[in-house]
Amino acid sequence: MRLKWMLLLIAAMATNAVAQDRKSERMSKMEQRHEFVIRFAGEPKSSVPFTRSYDFEPLGRHTLLLYESMNRAYLVEIEDFCPDLPIAMAIGVDNKTSILNAKFDALRIGGRSCQILQIRPVDVKAMKAAQKAEREAAKAAKPSP
């Protein structure tokens, strides 16, 4: 019976280690993506035109890329007590107008209202061009079979 419990404990520890590795890998990828996106972000704005949320991409615990359309996006920093951002499947935008305001509006994430601290417009066209160039460079660098 003791052996059974020890085996269960070892299995649980191994499962936890694998989950931690996956979480670390996911956070590392988000940080790398954040470093990429920030290259295309403009200066912080106190407010930006915003009619609806099209899509979003978490870029860490406090930052996300918020798309209004396929060609308009904002790098948004939120307050730091919204821990569900990295795993969020959906978000909501709490604003009553067609303007998104830093320090006044909030995002709904995991049942919490998370105040927007900073909004930076992103040059989506330049970002997509850089992504395409990186993919093509990686493809060209692969040895032919």
C-alpha atoms as a PDB file:
ATOM      1  CA  MET A   1       0.000   0.000   0.000  1.00  0.00           C
ATOM      2  CA  ARG A   2       2.842   2.378   0.803  1.00  0.00           C
ATOM      3  CA  LEU A   3       4.447   1.705  -2.568  1.00  0.00           C
ATOM      4  CA  LYS A   4       1.180   2.616  -4.288  1.00  0.00           C
ATOM      5  CA  TRP A   5       1.074   6.000  -2.508  1.00  0.00           C
ATOM      6  CA  MET A   6       4.709   6.664  -3.326  1.00  0.00           C
ATOM      7  CA  LEU A   7       4.088   5.881  -7.000  1.00  0.00           C
ATOM      8  CA  LEU A   8       1.045   8.184  -7.010  1.00  0.00           C
ATOM      9  CA  LEU A   9       3.102  10.942  -5.398  1.00  0.00           C
ATOM     10  CA  ILE A  10       5.892  10.536  -7.966  1.00  0.00           C
ATOM     11  CA  ALA A  11       3.359  10.604 -10.809  1.00  0.00           C
ATOM     12  CA  ALA A  12       1.727  13.746  -9.401  1.00  0.00           C
ATOM     13  CA  MET A  13       5.094  15.472  -9.065  1.00  0.00           C
ATOM     14  CA  ALA A  14       6.029  14.554 -12.649  1.00  0.00           C
ATOM     15  CA  THR A  15       2.683  15.846 -13.937  1.00  0.00           C
ATOM     16  CA  ASN A  16       3.161  19.106 -12.025  1.00  0.00           C
ATOM     17  CA  ALA A  17       6.687  19.511 -13.433  1.00  0.00           C
ATOM     18  CA  VAL A  18       5.412  19.039 -16.999  1.00  0.00           C
ATOM     19  CA  ALA A  19       2.621  21.586 -16.401  1.00  0.00           C
ATOM     20  CA  GLN A  20       5.139  24.092 -14.998  1.00  0.00           C
ATOM     21  CA  ASP A  21       7.407  23.578 -18.022  1.00  0.00           C
ATOM     22  CA  ARG A  22       4.496  24.232 -20.388  1.00  0.00           C
ATOM     23  CA  LYS A  23       3.490  27.340 -18.460  1.00  0.00           C
ATOM     24  CA  SER A  24       7.073  28.650 -18.535  1.00  0.00           C
ATOM     25  CA  GLU A  25       7.325  27.931 -22.259  1.00  0.00           C
ATOM     26  CA  ARG A  26       4.020  29.718 -22.947  1.00  0.00           C
ATOM     27  CA  MET A  27       5.097  32.765 -20.905  1.00  0.00           C
ATOM     28  CA  SER A  28       8.475  32.810 -22.685  1.00  0.00           C
ATOM     29  CA  LYS A  29       6.746  32.795 -26.085  1.00  0.00           C
ATOM     30  CA  MET A  30       4.470  35.637 -24.947  1.00  0.00           C
ATOM     31  CA  GLU A  31       7.478  37.670 -23.816  1.00  0.00           C
ATOM     32  CA  GLN A  32       9.227  37.095 -27.158  1.00  0.00           C
ATOM     33  CA  ARG A  33       6.090  38.134 -29.011  1.00  0.00           C
ATOM     34  CA  HIS A  34       5.791  41.220 -26.777  1.00  0.00           C
ATOM     35  CA  GLU A  35       9.368  42.221 -27.660  1.00  0.00           C
ATOM     36  CA  PHE A  36       8.511  41.817 -31.358  1.00  0.00           C
ATOM     37  CA  VAL A  37       5.244  43.790 -31.193  1.00  0.00           C
ATOM     38  CA  ILE A  38       6.697  46.640 -29.141  1.00  0.00           C
ATOM     39  CA  ARG A  39       8.982  47.485 -32.078  1.00  0.00           C
ATOM     40  CA  PHE A  40       5.884  48.570 -34.020  1.00  0.00           C
ATOM     41  CA  ALA A  41       4.104  50.416 -31.197  1.00  0.00           C
ATOM     42  CA  GLY A  42       3.837  54.175 -31.287  1.00  0.00           C
ATOM     43  CA  GLU A  43       3.905  56.612 -28.413  1.00  0.00           C
ATOM     44  CA  PRO A  44       1.353  56.174 -25.606  1.00  0.00           C
ATOM     45  CA  LYS A  45      -1.976  57.919 -26.197  1.00  0.00           C
ATOM     46  CA  SER A  46      -4.453  59.033 -23.553  1.00  0.00           C
ATOM     47  CA  SER A  47      -7.299  57.919 -25.822  1.00  0.00           C
ATOM     48  CA  VAL A  48      -7.836  56.256 -29.201  1.00  0.00           C
ATOM     49  CA  PRO A  49     -10.867  55.720 -31.443  1.00  0.00           C
ATOM     50  CA  PHE A  50     -12.368  52.319 -30.659  1.00  0.00           C
ATOM     51  CA  THR A  51     -15.745  50.982 -31.693  1.00  0.00           C
ATOM     52  CA  ARG A  52     -15.483  47.256 -30.955  1.00  0.00           C
ATOM     53  CA  SER A  53     -13.054  44.482 -30.108  1.00  0.00           C
ATOM     54  CA  TYR A  54     -12.228  42.261 -33.083  1.00  0.00           C
ATOM     55  CA  ASP A  55      -9.580  40.035 -31.481  1.00  0.00           C
ATOM     56  CA  PHE A  56      -6.837  40.041 -28.864  1.00  0.00           C
ATOM     57  CA  GLU A  57      -3.517  38.367 -28.132  1.00  0.00           C
ATOM     58  CA  PRO A  58      -2.114  38.141 -24.594  1.00  0.00           C
ATOM     59  CA  LEU A  59       1.534  39.222 -24.497  1.00  0.00           C
ATOM     60  CA  GLY A  60       2.191  38.516 -20.832  1.00  0.00           C
ATOM     61  CA  ARG A  61       0.558  39.131 -17.486  1.00  0.00           C
ATOM     62  CA  HIS A  62      -0.168  42.840 -18.016  1.00  0.00           C
ATOM     63  CA  THR A  63      -0.019  43.476 -21.752  1.00  0.00           C
ATOM     64  CA  LEU A  64      -2.081  42.489 -24.758  1.00  0.00           C
ATOM     65  CA  LEU A  65      -2.434  43.284 -28.416  1.00  0.00           C
ATOM     66  CA  LEU A  66      -6.034  44.443 -28.844  1.00  0.00           C
ATOM     67  CA  TYR A  67      -7.314  44.408 -32.407  1.00  0.00           C
ATOM     68  CA  GLU A  68     -10.154  46.667 -33.451  1.00  0.00           C
ATOM     69  CA  SER A  69      -9.947  45.330 -37.011  1.00  0.00           C
ATOM     70  CA  MET A  70      -7.498  43.258 -39.046  1.00  0.00           C
ATOM     71  CA  ASN A  71      -5.486  46.408 -39.734  1.00  0.00           C
ATOM     72  CA  ARG A  72      -5.879  48.418 -36.520  1.00  0.00           C
ATOM     73  CA  ALA A  73      -4.435  47.274 -33.203  1.00  0.00           C
ATOM     74  CA  TYR A  74      -3.278  48.687 -29.908  1.00  0.00           C
ATOM     75  CA  LEU A  75      -0.672  47.539 -27.429  1.00  0.00           C
ATOM     76  CA  VAL A  76      -2.577  47.810 -24.150  1.00  0.00           C
ATOM     77  CA  GLU A  77      -1.104  47.633 -20.667  1.00  0.00           C
ATOM     78  CA  ILE A  78      -3.496  46.821 -17.821  1.00  0.00           C
ATOM     79  CA  GLU A  79      -3.154  46.960 -14.065  1.00  0.00           C
ATOM     80  CA  ASP A  80      -1.290  44.069 -12.519  1.00  0.00           C
ATOM     81  CA  PHE A  81      -3.978  42.330 -10.488  1.00  0.00           C
ATOM     82  CA  CYS A  82      -5.646  40.605 -13.447  1.00  0.00           C
ATOM     83  CA  PRO A  83      -3.781  37.275 -13.429  1.00  0.00           C
ATOM     84  CA  ASP A  84      -6.102  35.552 -15.925  1.00  0.00           C
ATOM     85  CA  LEU A  85      -4.873  37.500 -18.959  1.00  0.00           C
ATOM     86  CA  PRO A  86      -2.297  34.912 -20.159  1.00  0.00           C
ATOM     87  CA  ILE A  87      -4.974  32.191 -20.252  1.00  0.00           C
ATOM     88  CA  ALA A  88      -8.010  34.288 -21.191  1.00  0.00           C
ATOM     89  CA  MET A  89     -10.183  32.897 -23.965  1.00  0.00           C
ATOM     90  CA  ALA A  90     -12.297  36.042 -24.226  1.00  0.00           C
ATOM     91  CA  ILE A  91     -12.245  39.609 -22.996  1.00  0.00           C
ATOM     92  CA  GLY A  92     -14.702  42.460 -22.892  1.00  0.00           C
ATOM     93  CA  VAL A  93     -14.146  46.165 -23.257  1.00  0.00           C
ATOM     94  CA  ASP A  94     -15.829  48.391 -20.656  1.00  0.00           C
ATOM     95  CA  ASN A  95     -16.368  51.668 -22.418  1.00  0.00           C
ATOM     96  CA  LYS A  96     -19.504  53.595 -23.173  1.00  0.00           C
ATOM     97  CA  THR A  97     -18.268  55.623 -26.120  1.00  0.00           C
ATOM     98  CA  SER A  98     -16.392  55.081 -29.377  1.00  0.00           C
ATOM     99  CA  ILE A  99     -13.217  56.232 -27.627  1.00  0.00           C
ATOM    100  CA  LEU A 100     -10.949  53.974 -25.529  1.00  0.00           C
ATOM    101  CA  ASN A 101      -9.370  55.933 -22.676  1.00  0.00           C
ATOM    102  CA  ALA A 102      -6.295  54.997 -20.704  1.00  0.00           C
ATOM    103  CA  LYS A 103      -6.845  55.312 -16.947  1.00  0.00           C
ATOM    104  CA  PHE A 104     -10.648  55.538 -17.335  1.00  0.00           C
ATOM    105  CA  ASP A 105     -11.744  52.468 -19.308  1.00  0.00           C
ATOM    106  CA  ALA A 106     -11.210  48.835 -18.404  1.00  0.00           C
ATOM    107  CA  LEU A 107     -11.113  45.347 -19.873  1.00  0.00           C
ATOM    108  CA  ARG A 108     -13.197  42.488 -18.448  1.00  0.00           C
ATOM    109  CA  ILE A 109     -10.927  39.481 -18.020  1.00  0.00           C
ATOM    110  CA  GLY A 110     -11.880  36.354 -16.105  1.00  0.00           C
ATOM    111  CA  GLY A 111     -14.735  38.095 -14.328  1.00  0.00           C
ATOM    112  CA  ARG A 112     -12.574  41.050 -13.257  1.00  0.00           C
ATOM    113  CA  SER A 113     -12.551  44.606 -14.429  1.00  0.00           C
ATOM    114  CA  CYS A 114      -8.929  45.491 -15.248  1.00  0.00           C
ATOM    115  CA  GLN A 115      -8.154  49.180 -15.674  1.00  0.00           C
ATOM    116  CA  ILE A 116      -6.269  50.205 -18.800  1.00  0.00           C
ATOM    117  CA  LEU A 117      -3.037  51.967 -17.849  1.00  0.00           C
ATOM    118  CA  GLN A 118      -1.552  52.641 -21.288  1.00  0.00           C
ATOM    119  CA  ILE A 119      -2.590  52.442 -24.953  1.00  0.00           C
ATOM    120  CA  ARG A 120      -0.099  52.497 -27.828  1.00  0.00           C
ATOM    121  CA  PRO A 121      -1.195  52.313 -31.487  1.00  0.00           C
ATOM    122  CA  VAL A 122       0.556  49.528 -33.415  1.00  0.00           C
ATOM    123  CA  ASP A 123       1.624  49.791 -37.060  1.00  0.00           C
ATOM    124  CA  VAL A 124      -0.059  46.524 -38.068  1.00  0.00           C
ATOM    125  CA  LYS A 125       0.967  46.805 -41.718  1.00  0.00           C
ATOM    126  CA  ALA A 126       4.676  47.092 -40.831  1.00  0.00           C
ATOM    127  CA  MET A 127       4.345  44.328 -38.222  1.00  0.00           C
ATOM    128  CA  LYS A 128       2.777  41.927 -40.736  1.00  0.00           C
ATOM    129  CA  ALA A 129       5.464  42.769 -43.312  1.00  0.00           C
ATOM    130  CA  ALA A 130       8.184  42.011 -40.738  1.00  0.00           C
ATOM    131  CA  GLN A 131       6.493  38.712 -39.833  1.00  0.00           C
ATOM    132  CA  LYS A 132       6.351  37.747 -43.499  1.00  0.00           C
ATOM    133  CA  ALA A 133      10.024  38.658 -43.986  1.00  0.00           C
ATOM    134  CA  GLU A 134      11.007  36.575 -40.941  1.00  0.00           C
ATOM    135  CA  ARG A 135       9.031  33.556 -42.226  1.00  0.00           C
ATOM    136  CA  GLU A 136      10.641  33.860 -45.661  1.00  0.00           C
ATOM    137  CA  ALA A 137      14.123  34.189 -44.148  1.00  0.00           C
ATOM    138  CA  ALA A 138      13.535  31.119 -41.971  1.00  0.00           C
ATOM    139  CA  LYS A 139      12.254  29.180 -44.981  1.00  0.00           C
ATOM    140  CA  ALA A 140      15.290  30.203 -47.064  1.00  0.00           C
ATOM    141  CA  ALA A 141      17.650  29.196 -44.256  1.00  0.00           C
ATOM    142  CA  LYS A 142      16.277  25.636 -44.132  1.00  0.00           C
ATOM    143  CA  PRO A 143      18.463  23.168 -46.010  1.00  0.00           C
ATOM    144  CA  SER A 144      16.858  21.586 -49.066  1.00  0.00           C
ATOM    145  CA  PRO A 145      16.215  17.826 -48.833  1.00  0.00           C
END
